[in-house]
Amino acid sequence: MNQSLTFLQSIDSLYRQPIPEEVMARAKKSLLDYLAVTCAGAAFQRDKLERYTAFAMPEEGAFRAIGTGRDYALKEAVFLNGLNGHALDFDDGTNSGIIHLGSPIFSLLLPLAQRYEIKIDDLLKAAIAGYEASYTMAVSIQPGHKAMGYHATGTCGTLGAAIAAAYMLGFSEEERFQAFAAAAVAASGMLKVLDDGSELKPYNVAKTSLLALTALQLAKAGFKGHPDPLGGRGFFRMMTGKETVDLQPTLLNGTYAIMKSYTKPYASCRYTHPAVEAAIRLRSKAAPESVEAIDIKTYGLAVSGHDHTEIPGSYSAKMSIPYATAAGYIFGRAGLQEFSEEAVRDERILALTKKIRVTADAELSAAFPAVQAAIVTVQTKDGTFTERVDFPKGEPENPLSDREFRDRYDGLMEYAGVDRAVGAQVFDAVYRKNTTANDLVGHL
């Protein structure tokens, strides 16, 4: 059986059917989330971007690198969009696939939509197919893929971004297949970028978007890939070490992948969120200075690489369950300001971080990914207090309200220095008919 054909036929069937209204509504929020997060990401790493530009001397062009206020050649815009879209680790994703879905896809689609003057509704229809492709591939090979050290956002995200763009640009069936085959050859992503103060996690998204663009260009030029890039000694074997992989169906459990995605209310790795939310609930029980120890039990996959208490910088803080929990306990929030370079030197947060221990719990591990829970126990001189969170805010089971989503969007745009009127104009434009990519990104 040719699994590549089976997979692509299932994605094509999904793309050809009418998109439910609630799915398109979610896609519009996903795009707005991406725009706001990417603008904020560009502001967060502005100094690094200036040094990058000074050395690389990127070619100017007609395509907006979102959040920079500058236009570059197509490949530069795609790359910088990905780099900024994941800089804050604040972009959407899913727990069951262990993958960030939107940032590789929108980083590629928006510059291409500028080039070909594609309307936003057509872009979103393609993005929905891309989300489904990335998610279906990821959920078919996780969690073993992560255990081998791969970052699914880089591997499976390359496939989804290439498929989304091929549909948006009206590629033929043959061209879509060859773009997919080329993307399967290029797909890569290392999870070690999370460890020991590394700041290269956003690079996984940047190169993913760029590799997907290159796959499209190769397909359009007529380069042919293997008839089954997933099978044999292809993608599945490389990414899992297994001879056979059970390919999961599209619309797994009856819902679109984009409907399975979370929107983060806390500016840190999703694995930190149950503990952060529990800490915010517990802070009224005891003052931070009275805390003697905090014990966190969570599912096993959330522990490795996320239990560190040595925090060399902001990137490390975002990956640390102890740091994020300490920030939530002290301030009652875990937003961008709690992960700034100034905040990660705050002795109050660092002292409490040292008192936190994270361990894997067998029961919670068995419940993952259906439930992504943490149990936080605070020990003080006056007593012990415990809180369990199964579905933190922002999960599909516990979504942000429309007001909470808009407040988050406005806050990110404000952090990025985007004029409030411009931010509102972009927000409203996503909901207007016949809006184009240029209407959205021209002032960002």
Protein backbone atom coordinates (compact mmCIF):
# COMPACT_ATOMS: atom_id res chain seq x y z
CA MET A 1 0.00 0.00 0.00
CA ASN A 2 1.27 3.46 -0.90
CA GLN A 3 0.72 5.43 2.31
CA SER A 4 1.73 8.70 0.67
CA LEU A 5 -1.11 8.45 -1.84
CA THR A 6 -3.54 7.40 0.88
CA PHE A 7 -2.56 10.39 3.00
CA LEU A 8 -2.72 12.93 0.19
CA GLN A 9 -6.05 11.60 -1.07
CA SER A 10 -7.53 12.01 2.42
CA ILE A 11 -6.28 15.61 2.62
CA ASP A 12 -7.67 16.32 -0.85
CA SER A 13 -11.06 14.91 0.12
CA LEU A 14 -11.12 17.20 3.14
CA TYR A 15 -10.09 20.22 1.07
CA ARG A 16 -12.88 19.61 -1.46
CA GLN A 17 -15.69 19.55 1.07
CA PRO A 18 -17.44 22.69 2.36
CA ILE A 19 -15.79 24.16 5.45
CA PRO A 20 -18.12 24.40 8.45
CA GLU A 21 -18.75 27.93 9.66
CA GLU A 22 -17.24 27.30 13.09
CA VAL A 23 -14.07 25.93 11.50
CA MET A 24 -13.60 29.03 9.35
CA ALA A 25 -14.26 31.19 12.42
CA ARG A 26 -11.52 29.34 14.28
CA ALA A 27 -9.18 29.77 11.30
CA LYS A 28 -9.69 33.53 11.39
CA LYS A 29 -8.75 33.60 15.06
CA SER A 30 -5.72 31.44 14.31
CA LEU A 31 -4.55 33.96 11.70
CA LEU A 32 -5.08 36.89 14.06
CA ASP A 33 -3.23 35.01 16.78
CA TYR A 34 -0.34 34.43 14.40
CA LEU A 35 -0.15 38.08 13.32
CA ALA A 36 -0.12 39.36 16.90
CA VAL A 37 2.37 36.78 18.15
CA THR A 38 4.70 37.42 15.20
CA CYS A 39 4.64 41.18 15.67
CA ALA A 40 5.43 40.71 19.36
CA GLY A 41 8.15 38.18 18.51
CA ALA A 42 9.84 40.70 16.21
CA ALA A 43 9.83 43.25 19.03
CA PHE A 44 11.14 40.70 21.53
CA GLN A 45 14.22 39.88 19.44
CA ARG A 46 14.69 43.28 17.76
CA ASP A 47 18.38 43.53 18.72
CA LYS A 48 19.14 40.11 17.25
CA LEU A 49 17.23 40.96 14.08
CA GLU A 50 19.29 44.12 13.65
CA ARG A 51 22.51 42.14 13.97
CA TYR A 52 21.19 39.51 11.57
CA THR A 53 20.31 42.17 9.02
CA ALA A 54 23.65 43.92 9.38
CA PHE A 55 25.57 40.71 8.67
CA ALA A 56 23.27 38.96 6.18
CA MET A 57 22.33 42.09 4.22
CA PRO A 58 19.01 40.52 3.13
CA GLU A 59 17.74 41.55 -0.27
CA GLU A 60 14.90 44.05 -0.20
CA GLY A 61 11.71 43.20 -2.05
CA ALA A 62 7.93 43.40 -1.99
CA PHE A 63 7.08 41.01 0.84
CA ARG A 64 6.53 42.06 4.43
CA ALA A 65 8.48 40.45 7.23
CA ILE A 66 5.64 40.81 9.72
CA GLY A 67 6.40 42.99 12.70
CA THR A 68 9.54 44.52 11.24
CA GLY A 69 7.92 47.24 9.10
CA ARG A 70 10.25 46.22 6.26
CA ASP A 71 9.81 44.42 2.94
CA TYR A 72 12.22 41.79 1.69
CA ALA A 73 12.69 39.25 -1.08
CA LEU A 74 10.29 36.31 -0.84
CA LYS A 75 12.64 33.82 0.83
CA GLU A 76 13.83 36.36 3.40
CA ALA A 77 10.27 37.31 4.32
CA VAL A 78 9.25 33.66 4.73
CA PHE A 79 12.31 32.93 6.89
CA LEU A 80 11.95 35.98 9.13
CA ASN A 81 8.22 35.39 9.56
CA GLY A 82 8.98 31.93 10.90
CA LEU A 83 11.79 33.19 13.12
CA ASN A 84 9.56 35.86 14.67
CA GLY A 85 6.41 33.74 14.74
CA HIS A 86 7.95 31.27 17.18
CA ALA A 87 10.28 33.61 19.07
CA LEU A 88 7.99 33.88 22.08
CA ASP A 89 6.77 30.25 22.04
CA PHE A 90 3.32 31.86 22.23
CA ASP A 91 1.92 30.42 18.97
CA ASP A 92 -0.82 27.82 18.72
CA GLY A 93 -0.39 24.04 18.75
CA THR A 94 -1.86 20.75 19.90
CA ASN A 95 -0.93 18.42 22.71
CA SER A 96 -1.85 15.15 21.04
CA GLY A 97 0.39 15.90 18.06
CA ILE A 98 2.99 17.69 20.20
CA ILE A 99 3.34 20.27 17.45
CA HIS A 100 2.96 23.98 16.81
CA LEU A 101 0.65 24.15 13.81
CA GLY A 102 0.06 27.70 12.62
CA SER A 103 3.44 29.43 12.60
CA PRO A 104 5.12 27.41 9.80
CA ILE A 105 1.98 27.55 7.66
CA PHE A 106 1.10 31.24 7.95
CA SER A 107 4.77 32.28 7.71
CA LEU A 108 4.76 30.80 4.20
CA LEU A 109 1.21 31.52 3.07
CA LEU A 110 1.14 35.25 3.78
CA PRO A 111 4.09 36.29 1.57
CA LEU A 112 2.86 33.99 -1.21
CA ALA A 113 -0.61 35.47 -0.86
CA GLN A 114 0.94 38.92 -1.23
CA ARG A 115 2.70 37.83 -4.40
CA TYR A 116 -0.41 36.39 -6.04
CA GLU A 117 -2.99 38.77 -4.51
CA ILE A 118 -4.90 35.93 -2.90
CA LYS A 119 -7.93 36.69 -0.75
CA ILE A 120 -7.79 35.84 2.92
CA ASP A 121 -10.69 33.37 2.80
CA ASP A 122 -8.83 31.37 0.15
CA LEU A 123 -5.67 31.52 2.24
CA LEU A 124 -7.58 30.25 5.27
CA LYS A 125 -9.13 27.36 3.36
CA ALA A 126 -5.64 26.25 2.37
CA ALA A 127 -4.36 26.77 5.93
CA ILE A 128 -7.09 24.48 7.29
CA ALA A 129 -5.85 21.73 4.97
CA GLY A 130 -2.28 22.43 6.07
CA TYR A 131 -3.21 22.20 9.74
CA GLU A 132 -4.87 18.85 9.03
CA ALA A 133 -1.82 17.55 7.17
CA SER A 134 0.67 18.61 9.85
CA TYR A 135 -1.48 17.30 12.68
CA THR A 136 -2.39 13.98 11.05
CA MET A 137 1.25 13.26 10.30
CA ALA A 138 2.35 14.26 13.81
CA VAL A 139 -0.30 12.30 15.67
CA SER A 140 0.60 9.23 13.58
CA ILE A 141 4.22 9.22 14.79
CA GLN A 142 4.04 10.70 18.28
CA PRO A 143 5.14 10.30 21.05
CA GLY A 144 7.95 8.10 19.76
CA HIS A 145 9.03 10.82 17.36
CA LYS A 146 9.62 13.23 20.25
CA ALA A 147 11.38 10.51 22.25
CA MET A 148 13.90 10.18 19.40
CA GLY A 149 14.73 13.88 19.73
CA TYR A 150 12.68 15.31 16.87
CA HIS A 151 10.70 18.55 16.93
CA ALA A 152 7.48 17.77 15.03
CA THR A 153 6.97 21.45 14.26
CA GLY A 154 10.03 21.19 12.04
CA THR A 155 9.40 17.74 10.57
CA CYS A 156 5.64 17.41 10.14
CA GLY A 157 5.27 21.17 9.84
CA THR A 158 7.29 21.15 6.62
CA LEU A 159 4.80 18.75 5.05
CA GLY A 160 1.75 20.71 6.19
CA ALA A 161 3.10 24.07 5.07
CA ALA A 162 3.99 22.71 1.62
CA ILE A 163 0.56 21.13 1.19
CA ALA A 164 -1.24 24.29 2.33
CA ALA A 165 0.70 26.49 -0.09
CA ALA A 166 0.24 24.04 -2.98
CA TYR A 167 -3.53 24.24 -2.54
CA MET A 168 -3.55 28.00 -2.13
CA LEU A 169 -1.57 28.44 -5.35
CA GLY A 170 -3.78 26.05 -7.32
CA PHE A 171 -1.12 23.40 -7.98
CA SER A 172 -2.20 20.39 -10.01
CA GLU A 173 -2.51 17.00 -8.33
CA GLU A 174 0.89 16.00 -9.73
CA GLU A 175 2.51 19.23 -8.54
CA ARG A 176 1.03 18.83 -5.06
CA PHE A 177 2.43 15.31 -4.84
CA GLN A 178 5.89 16.39 -5.94
CA ALA A 179 5.87 19.31 -3.48
CA PHE A 180 4.97 16.84 -0.73
CA ALA A 181 7.73 14.45 -1.84
CA ALA A 182 10.32 17.23 -1.80
CA ALA A 183 9.11 18.43 1.61
CA ALA A 184 9.47 14.89 2.99
CA VAL A 185 13.13 14.88 1.89
CA ALA A 186 13.79 18.26 3.54
CA ALA A 187 11.86 17.82 6.79
CA SER A 188 13.99 18.21 9.92
CA GLY A 189 13.76 19.55 13.44
CA MET A 190 15.84 19.02 16.58
CA LEU A 191 14.37 19.16 20.08
CA LYS A 192 17.76 19.79 21.65
CA VAL A 193 17.18 23.44 20.75
CA LEU A 194 15.11 23.57 23.97
CA ASP A 195 18.00 22.67 26.25
CA ASP A 196 20.60 24.55 28.28
CA GLY A 197 19.78 28.10 27.29
CA SER A 198 19.65 27.48 23.53
CA GLU A 199 17.85 30.23 21.62
CA LEU A 200 17.40 28.29 18.36
CA LYS A 201 13.89 26.89 18.83
CA PRO A 202 12.43 29.63 16.55
CA TYR A 203 14.95 28.61 13.90
CA ASN A 204 13.09 25.31 13.55
CA VAL A 205 10.01 27.20 12.38
CA ALA A 206 11.97 29.63 10.19
CA LYS A 207 13.72 26.89 8.24
CA THR A 208 10.56 24.79 8.12
CA SER A 209 8.70 27.55 6.27
CA LEU A 210 11.67 28.16 3.99
CA LEU A 211 12.11 24.46 3.19
CA ALA A 212 8.42 24.19 2.35
CA LEU A 213 8.81 27.11 -0.07
CA THR A 214 11.79 25.39 -1.71
CA ALA A 215 9.76 22.19 -2.05
CA LEU A 216 7.08 24.15 -3.92
CA GLN A 217 9.67 25.66 -6.25
CA LEU A 218 11.18 22.26 -7.02
CA ALA A 219 7.75 20.80 -7.76
CA LYS A 220 6.82 23.67 -10.05
CA ALA A 221 10.12 23.22 -11.88
CA GLY A 222 9.23 19.59 -12.59
CA PHE A 223 11.57 17.75 -10.22
CA LYS A 224 10.14 14.35 -9.29
CA GLY A 225 10.37 12.64 -5.93
CA HIS A 226 9.89 9.02 -4.87
CA PRO A 227 6.44 7.54 -5.59
CA ASP A 228 5.99 6.85 -1.86
CA PRO A 229 8.14 9.24 0.22
CA LEU A 230 6.48 8.10 3.45
CA GLY A 231 7.04 4.35 3.02
CA GLY A 232 10.00 1.99 2.82
CA ARG A 233 13.12 3.72 4.06
CA GLY A 234 11.35 7.06 3.74
CA PHE A 235 9.86 9.60 6.15
CA PHE A 236 8.08 7.22 8.54
CA ARG A 237 11.09 4.97 9.10
CA MET A 238 13.43 7.92 9.48
CA MET A 239 11.18 9.70 11.96
CA THR A 240 10.17 6.71 14.11
CA GLY A 241 12.75 3.97 13.54
CA LYS A 242 9.85 1.61 12.81
CA GLU A 243 9.22 -0.46 9.72
CA THR A 244 5.47 0.19 9.84
CA VAL A 245 3.44 3.15 11.08
CA ASP A 246 -0.33 3.30 11.48
CA LEU A 247 -1.40 6.37 9.54
CA GLN A 248 -4.17 8.09 11.48
CA PRO A 249 -7.26 9.33 9.63
CA THR A 250 -7.95 12.97 8.86
CA LEU A 251 -10.66 14.58 11.02
CA LEU A 252 -9.49 12.38 13.88
CA ASN A 253 -12.27 11.89 16.43
CA GLY A 254 -14.61 13.81 14.15
CA THR A 255 -13.04 17.26 14.44
CA TYR A 256 -10.76 19.36 12.27
CA ALA A 257 -7.17 19.71 13.45
CA ILE A 258 -7.51 23.48 13.66
CA MET A 259 -10.32 22.98 16.18
CA LYS A 260 -7.96 20.89 18.32
CA SER A 261 -5.45 23.73 18.65
CA TYR A 262 -4.88 25.77 21.80
CA THR A 263 -4.37 29.52 22.20
CA LYS A 264 -1.87 30.28 24.93
CA PRO A 265 -2.81 32.67 27.75
CA TYR A 266 0.64 32.17 29.32
CA ALA A 267 3.83 33.14 27.49
CA SER A 268 5.66 29.86 28.02
CA CYS A 269 5.84 26.31 26.73
CA ARG A 270 2.45 24.62 26.78
CA TYR A 271 3.83 21.93 29.11
CA THR A 272 4.08 24.59 31.84
CA HIS A 273 0.47 25.76 31.65
CA PRO A 274 -1.39 23.35 33.97
CA ALA A 275 1.09 24.06 36.76
CA VAL A 276 1.03 27.82 36.13
CA GLU A 277 -2.75 27.92 36.32
CA ALA A 278 -2.78 25.82 39.50
CA ALA A 279 -0.22 28.18 41.06
CA ILE A 280 -2.31 31.22 40.19
CA ARG A 281 -5.28 29.60 41.94
CA LEU A 282 -3.18 28.68 44.99
CA ARG A 283 -1.50 32.03 45.56
CA SER A 284 -4.40 33.31 47.65
CA LYS A 285 -3.77 30.51 50.17
CA ALA A 286 -0.25 31.55 51.17
CA ALA A 287 2.14 34.41 50.47
CA PRO A 288 5.18 33.58 48.31
CA GLU A 289 7.59 34.29 51.16
CA SER A 290 5.88 31.64 53.32
CA VAL A 291 6.38 28.86 50.75
CA GLU A 292 8.84 26.19 51.80
CA ALA A 293 8.48 23.89 48.80
CA ILE A 294 6.28 23.28 45.79
CA ASP A 295 5.81 19.80 44.40
CA ILE A 296 4.45 19.41 40.86
CA LYS A 297 3.24 16.12 39.45
CA THR A 298 2.47 16.00 35.76
CA TYR A 299 2.59 13.69 32.73
CA GLY A 300 5.94 12.22 31.78
CA LEU A 301 6.39 13.90 28.41
CA ALA A 302 6.17 17.32 30.08
CA VAL A 303 9.03 16.67 32.49
CA SER A 304 12.17 16.00 30.47
CA GLY A 305 13.71 19.27 29.31
CA HIS A 306 11.20 21.30 31.30
CA ASP A 307 12.10 20.63 34.94
CA HIS A 308 15.24 22.80 35.12
CA THR A 309 15.72 25.40 37.84
CA GLU A 310 18.87 27.03 36.43
CA ILE A 311 17.60 29.88 34.24
CA PRO A 312 20.30 31.48 32.06
CA GLY A 313 17.87 33.65 30.10
CA SER A 314 14.41 34.29 28.76
CA TYR A 315 14.33 31.37 26.33
CA SER A 316 15.24 28.97 29.13
CA ALA A 317 12.59 30.49 31.41
CA LYS A 318 9.84 29.83 28.85
CA MET A 319 10.77 26.14 28.82
CA SER A 320 10.95 25.76 32.60
CA ILE A 321 7.95 24.49 34.56
CA PRO A 322 9.53 25.64 37.87
CA TYR A 323 10.23 29.17 36.62
CA ALA A 324 6.83 29.64 34.95
CA THR A 325 5.08 28.29 38.05
CA ALA A 326 7.06 30.60 40.33
CA ALA A 327 6.20 33.60 38.17
CA GLY A 328 2.52 32.66 38.18
CA TYR A 329 2.53 32.20 41.94
CA ILE A 330 4.24 35.53 42.67
CA PHE A 331 2.44 37.75 40.16
CA GLY A 332 -0.84 35.97 39.46
CA ARG A 333 -0.03 35.94 35.75
CA ALA A 334 2.61 34.62 33.35
CA GLY A 335 2.59 37.04 30.46
CA LEU A 336 5.33 38.49 28.31
CA GLN A 337 6.63 40.74 31.06
CA GLU A 338 7.24 37.77 33.39
CA PHE A 339 9.63 36.25 30.83
CA SER A 340 11.58 39.35 29.90
CA GLU A 341 15.34 39.40 30.35
CA GLU A 342 14.81 41.71 33.34
CA ALA A 343 12.27 39.38 34.94
CA VAL A 344 14.48 36.30 34.65
CA ARG A 345 17.02 38.03 36.90
CA ASP A 346 14.40 38.81 39.56
CA GLU A 347 15.67 37.20 42.76
CA ARG A 348 12.14 36.61 44.06
CA ILE A 349 11.24 34.45 41.08
CA LEU A 350 14.58 32.67 41.02
CA ALA A 351 14.45 31.90 44.74
CA LEU A 352 11.00 30.37 44.47
CA THR A 353 12.03 28.49 41.32
CA LYS A 354 14.71 26.69 43.35
CA LYS A 355 12.03 25.43 45.76
CA ILE A 356 10.04 23.69 43.03
CA ARG A 357 10.38 20.04 42.08
CA VAL A 358 8.71 18.44 39.04
CA THR A 359 8.09 14.70 38.78
CA ALA A 360 6.26 12.41 36.40
CA ASP A 361 3.09 10.80 37.68
CA ALA A 362 2.05 7.43 36.27
CA GLU A 363 -1.69 8.16 36.40
CA LEU A 364 -1.35 11.55 34.72
CA SER A 365 1.03 10.09 32.14
CA ALA A 366 -1.49 7.39 31.26
CA ALA A 367 -4.23 10.00 30.80
CA PHE A 368 -2.17 12.03 28.30
CA PRO A 369 -3.02 13.31 25.66
CA ALA A 370 -6.75 13.13 26.44
CA VAL A 371 -6.02 15.05 29.65
CA GLN A 372 -2.98 17.31 30.10
CA ALA A 373 -2.94 17.69 33.85
CA ALA A 374 -0.74 18.88 36.67
CA ILE A 375 -1.15 18.57 40.42
CA VAL A 376 0.57 21.34 42.38
CA THR A 377 1.14 21.02 46.13
CA VAL A 378 2.40 24.03 48.09
CA GLN A 379 4.01 23.41 51.46
CA THR A 380 4.12 26.30 53.91
CA LYS A 381 4.73 26.77 57.60
CA ASP A 382 0.99 27.05 58.10
CA GLY A 383 -0.14 24.06 56.04
CA THR A 384 -0.24 22.26 52.73
CA PHE A 385 -2.44 23.26 49.79
CA THR A 386 -3.10 21.34 46.58
CA GLU A 387 -4.68 22.22 43.24
CA ARG A 388 -5.19 20.08 40.13
CA VAL A 389 -5.69 21.47 36.63
CA ASP A 390 -6.72 19.14 33.80
CA PHE A 391 -7.45 21.61 31.00
CA PRO A 392 -5.76 24.99 31.43
CA LYS A 393 -7.23 28.09 29.84
CA GLY A 394 -6.84 28.22 26.09
CA GLU A 395 -7.38 24.52 25.44
CA PRO A 396 -10.28 23.53 23.14
CA GLU A 397 -12.01 22.15 26.25
CA ASN A 398 -11.52 25.48 28.05
CA PRO A 399 -11.19 28.14 25.33
CA LEU A 400 -10.55 31.84 25.72
CA SER A 401 -13.71 33.91 25.51
CA ASP A 402 -14.00 36.39 22.65
CA ARG A 403 -13.18 39.18 25.10
CA GLU A 404 -10.15 37.32 26.45
CA PHE A 405 -8.93 36.62 22.92
CA ARG A 406 -9.27 40.28 21.91
CA ASP A 407 -7.50 41.45 25.06
CA ARG A 408 -4.64 39.06 24.32
CA TYR A 409 -4.45 40.27 20.72
CA ASP A 410 -4.44 43.93 21.78
CA GLY A 411 -1.81 43.25 24.43
CA LEU A 412 0.53 41.57 21.97
CA MET A 413 0.13 44.37 19.45
CA GLU A 414 0.79 46.95 22.16
CA TYR A 415 3.93 45.06 23.21
CA ALA A 416 5.02 45.13 19.56
CA GLY A 417 4.53 48.89 19.38
CA VAL A 418 1.72 48.63 16.83
CA ASP A 419 -0.63 51.61 16.99
CA ARG A 420 -3.95 50.56 18.53
CA ALA A 421 -5.89 51.90 15.53
CA VAL A 422 -3.73 49.85 13.16
CA GLY A 423 -4.20 46.74 15.26
CA ALA A 424 -7.96 47.24 15.22
CA GLN A 425 -7.91 47.79 11.47
CA VAL A 426 -6.08 44.50 10.94
CA PHE A 427 -8.43 42.67 13.29
CA ASP A 428 -11.52 43.93 11.46
CA ALA A 429 -10.02 43.27 8.02
CA VAL A 430 -9.82 39.52 8.70
CA TYR A 431 -13.61 39.48 8.97
CA ARG A 432 -14.30 41.49 5.81
CA LYS A 433 -14.97 39.88 2.46
CA ASN A 434 -12.37 40.24 -0.28
CA THR A 435 -9.56 41.20 2.12
CA THR A 436 -6.12 40.40 0.71
CA ALA A 437 -2.83 39.69 2.45
CA ASN A 438 -1.58 43.16 1.53
CA ASP A 439 -4.57 44.66 3.37
CA LEU A 440 -3.45 42.83 6.52
CA VAL A 441 0.31 43.09 6.65
CA GLY A 442 1.06 46.43 4.98
CA HIS A 443 1.26 48.35 8.26
CA LEU A 444 2.82 45.62 10.45
